Amino acid sequence: MTRPTRWFDDIRAGDVSEFGDHEMTEAEVRTFATAFDPQPFHIDPVAAQESIFGGLIASGWHTGSVVMRMMVDHYLSPESSMGSPGIDELRWIVPVRPGDRIRVRITVLSAVASRSKPDRGIVHSLTEVLNQKDQVVMTLKGMGMIRRRPAGG
């Protein structure tokens, strides 16, 4: 898959990108949770049915990992993405259930060129994860370091 290169210089506050489509299968939900978040409402259908969720739900960390994969596949440029210094806020708003299809919407909140490192800038963004009902199931406010366009490029 070829993604267009997006240099820092091309990014503006207010830019919105939407992408991705991933079905959260029961097998995937249970496999991830068994390895990384083995709480009963993620791995045991009987216990999950008796929980406050009334059935199996995906681990929030699983949802976040799927979102990261979609970002790598559809949004981040291998030429310009320089990683992230972190996130400021993460919210799991609506449980993600087996059979749900999720997609991503990213809104650029700010793009500020670095004064100390002129080869890059910091982009703050709001990432919203939506299900097939257009419900926002997860939000993330984070930042990314993005390389500036090379001289003469």
Protein backbone atom coordinates (compact mmCIF):
# COMPACT_ATOMS: atom_id res chain seq x y z
CA MET A 1 0.00 0.00 0.00
CA THR A 2 1.40 3.39 -0.98
CA ARG A 3 0.53 6.40 1.15
CA PRO A 4 1.17 9.95 -0.01
CA THR A 5 3.96 11.76 1.79
CA ARG A 6 2.58 14.45 4.08
CA TRP A 7 5.26 16.83 5.27
CA PHE A 8 4.73 19.08 8.27
CA ASP A 9 4.53 22.02 5.86
CA ASP A 10 1.36 20.52 4.31
CA ILE A 11 -0.58 20.22 7.59
CA ARG A 12 -2.93 22.92 8.89
CA ALA A 13 -5.11 23.25 11.98
CA GLY A 14 -8.61 22.13 11.07
CA ASP A 15 -7.51 19.47 8.57
CA VAL A 16 -9.70 16.36 8.88
CA SER A 17 -8.86 12.87 7.65
CA GLU A 18 -11.14 9.83 7.78
CA PHE A 19 -9.99 6.31 7.04
CA GLY A 20 -10.05 2.66 7.93
CA ASP A 21 -12.59 -0.08 8.36
CA HIS A 22 -11.89 -2.92 10.75
CA GLU A 23 -14.27 -5.57 12.03
CA MET A 24 -13.65 -6.59 15.63
CA THR A 25 -14.25 -10.34 15.59
CA GLU A 26 -14.94 -12.37 18.71
CA ALA A 27 -11.84 -14.48 18.12
CA GLU A 28 -9.66 -11.37 17.80
CA VAL A 29 -11.22 -9.76 20.90
CA ARG A 30 -10.66 -12.86 23.01
CA THR A 31 -7.17 -13.57 21.67
CA PHE A 32 -5.90 -10.03 22.33
CA ALA A 33 -7.47 -9.94 25.79
CA THR A 34 -6.16 -13.37 26.74
CA ALA A 35 -2.64 -12.17 25.98
CA PHE A 36 -2.80 -8.59 27.27
CA ASP A 37 -5.97 -7.77 29.28
CA PRO A 38 -7.49 -11.02 30.61
CA GLN A 39 -10.47 -9.58 32.42
CA PRO A 40 -13.58 -11.81 32.35
CA PHE A 41 -15.70 -9.38 30.29
CA HIS A 42 -13.07 -9.56 27.52
CA ILE A 43 -12.44 -13.32 27.44
CA ASP A 44 -15.33 -15.29 28.98
CA PRO A 45 -18.72 -15.00 27.24
CA VAL A 46 -20.64 -16.32 30.28
CA ALA A 47 -18.94 -14.01 32.75
CA ALA A 48 -19.26 -11.13 30.27
CA GLN A 49 -23.01 -11.72 29.97
CA GLU A 50 -23.30 -11.38 33.75
CA SER A 51 -21.11 -8.24 33.86
CA ILE A 52 -22.24 -4.63 33.67
CA PHE A 53 -21.55 -4.83 29.92
CA GLY A 54 -24.05 -7.64 29.25
CA GLY A 55 -21.68 -9.39 26.84
CA LEU A 56 -18.13 -9.53 25.54
CA ILE A 57 -16.37 -6.26 24.86
CA ALA A 58 -12.98 -5.50 23.36
CA SER A 59 -10.20 -4.26 25.59
CA GLY A 60 -9.70 -0.53 25.12
CA TRP A 61 -6.03 -1.32 24.53
CA HIS A 62 -7.07 -3.63 21.69
CA THR A 63 -9.16 -0.86 20.13
CA GLY A 64 -6.19 1.50 20.46
CA SER A 65 -3.87 -1.04 18.83
CA VAL A 66 -6.23 -1.49 15.89
CA VAL A 67 -6.42 2.30 15.51
CA MET A 68 -2.62 2.49 15.49
CA ARG A 69 -2.50 -0.10 12.70
CA MET A 70 -5.05 1.84 10.66
CA MET A 71 -3.01 5.02 11.19
CA VAL A 72 0.14 3.31 9.91
CA ASP A 73 -1.73 1.84 6.92
CA HIS A 74 -3.69 4.96 5.90
CA TYR A 75 -2.41 8.14 7.57
CA LEU A 76 1.21 8.27 8.71
CA SER A 77 3.85 8.87 6.09
CA PRO A 78 6.95 6.67 6.40
CA GLU A 79 9.06 9.53 5.04
CA SER A 80 7.86 12.20 7.44
CA SER A 81 6.50 10.56 10.60
CA MET A 82 9.06 10.81 13.39
CA GLY A 83 7.05 9.19 16.19
CA SER A 84 5.15 10.71 19.05
CA PRO A 85 6.24 12.27 22.33
CA GLY A 86 3.00 11.06 23.89
CA ILE A 87 -0.71 11.49 24.38
CA ASP A 88 -2.58 13.91 26.60
CA GLU A 89 -5.96 12.21 26.90
CA LEU A 90 -7.50 8.84 26.09
CA ARG A 91 -11.17 8.01 26.60
CA TRP A 92 -13.11 4.80 26.01
CA ILE A 93 -16.65 6.09 25.62
CA VAL A 94 -18.78 3.25 24.24
CA PRO A 95 -17.85 -0.45 24.54
CA VAL A 96 -16.61 -2.03 21.31
CA ARG A 97 -18.22 -5.43 20.81
CA PRO A 98 -17.49 -8.39 18.58
CA GLY A 99 -19.00 -7.65 15.17
CA ASP A 100 -18.51 -3.88 15.45
CA ARG A 101 -16.74 -2.17 12.57
CA ILE A 102 -14.52 0.74 13.52
CA ARG A 103 -12.98 3.58 11.55
CA VAL A 104 -10.93 6.68 12.38
CA ARG A 105 -11.38 10.44 12.06
CA ILE A 106 -8.42 12.70 12.88
CA THR A 107 -8.77 16.46 13.26
CA VAL A 108 -5.59 18.57 13.44
CA LEU A 109 -5.84 20.91 16.43
CA SER A 110 -2.52 22.71 15.90
CA ALA A 111 0.68 22.44 13.90
CA VAL A 112 3.67 24.29 15.33
CA ALA A 113 7.16 24.32 13.83
CA SER A 114 9.92 23.48 16.29
CA ARG A 115 12.15 26.41 17.18
CA SER A 116 15.01 24.22 18.42
CA LYS A 117 14.83 21.54 15.71
CA PRO A 118 14.05 23.19 12.36
CA ASP A 119 13.69 19.86 10.56
CA ARG A 120 10.32 19.13 12.24
CA GLY A 121 7.12 20.34 13.78
CA ILE A 122 4.66 19.08 16.37
CA VAL A 123 1.10 18.32 15.33
CA HIS A 124 -1.57 18.08 18.05
CA SER A 125 -4.67 16.20 16.98
CA LEU A 126 -7.96 14.75 18.13
CA THR A 127 -8.49 11.15 17.05
CA GLU A 128 -12.04 9.88 17.14
CA VAL A 129 -12.90 6.21 16.63
CA LEU A 130 -16.39 5.54 15.31
CA ASN A 131 -18.39 2.35 15.02
CA GLN A 132 -20.80 1.30 12.28
CA LYS A 133 -23.59 3.30 14.00
CA ASP A 134 -21.45 6.48 13.81
CA GLN A 135 -21.07 6.43 17.60
CA VAL A 136 -17.77 7.77 18.88
CA VAL A 137 -16.37 4.83 20.86
CA MET A 138 -12.92 6.20 21.71
CA THR A 139 -11.14 9.55 21.64
CA LEU A 140 -7.46 10.34 21.86
CA LYS A 141 -5.73 13.70 22.05
CA GLY A 142 -2.14 13.27 21.08
CA MET A 143 0.79 14.70 19.24
CA GLY A 144 3.14 13.64 16.51
CA MET A 145 6.53 14.82 15.35
CA ILE A 146 6.43 15.37 11.58
CA ARG A 147 9.45 16.05 9.40
CA ARG A 148 9.49 19.28 7.39
CA ARG A 149 9.83 19.14 3.63
CA PRO A 150 13.52 18.81 2.69
CA ALA A 151 15.13 21.90 1.15
CA GLY A 152 14.45 21.95 -2.58
CA GLY A 153 11.69 19.31 -2.16
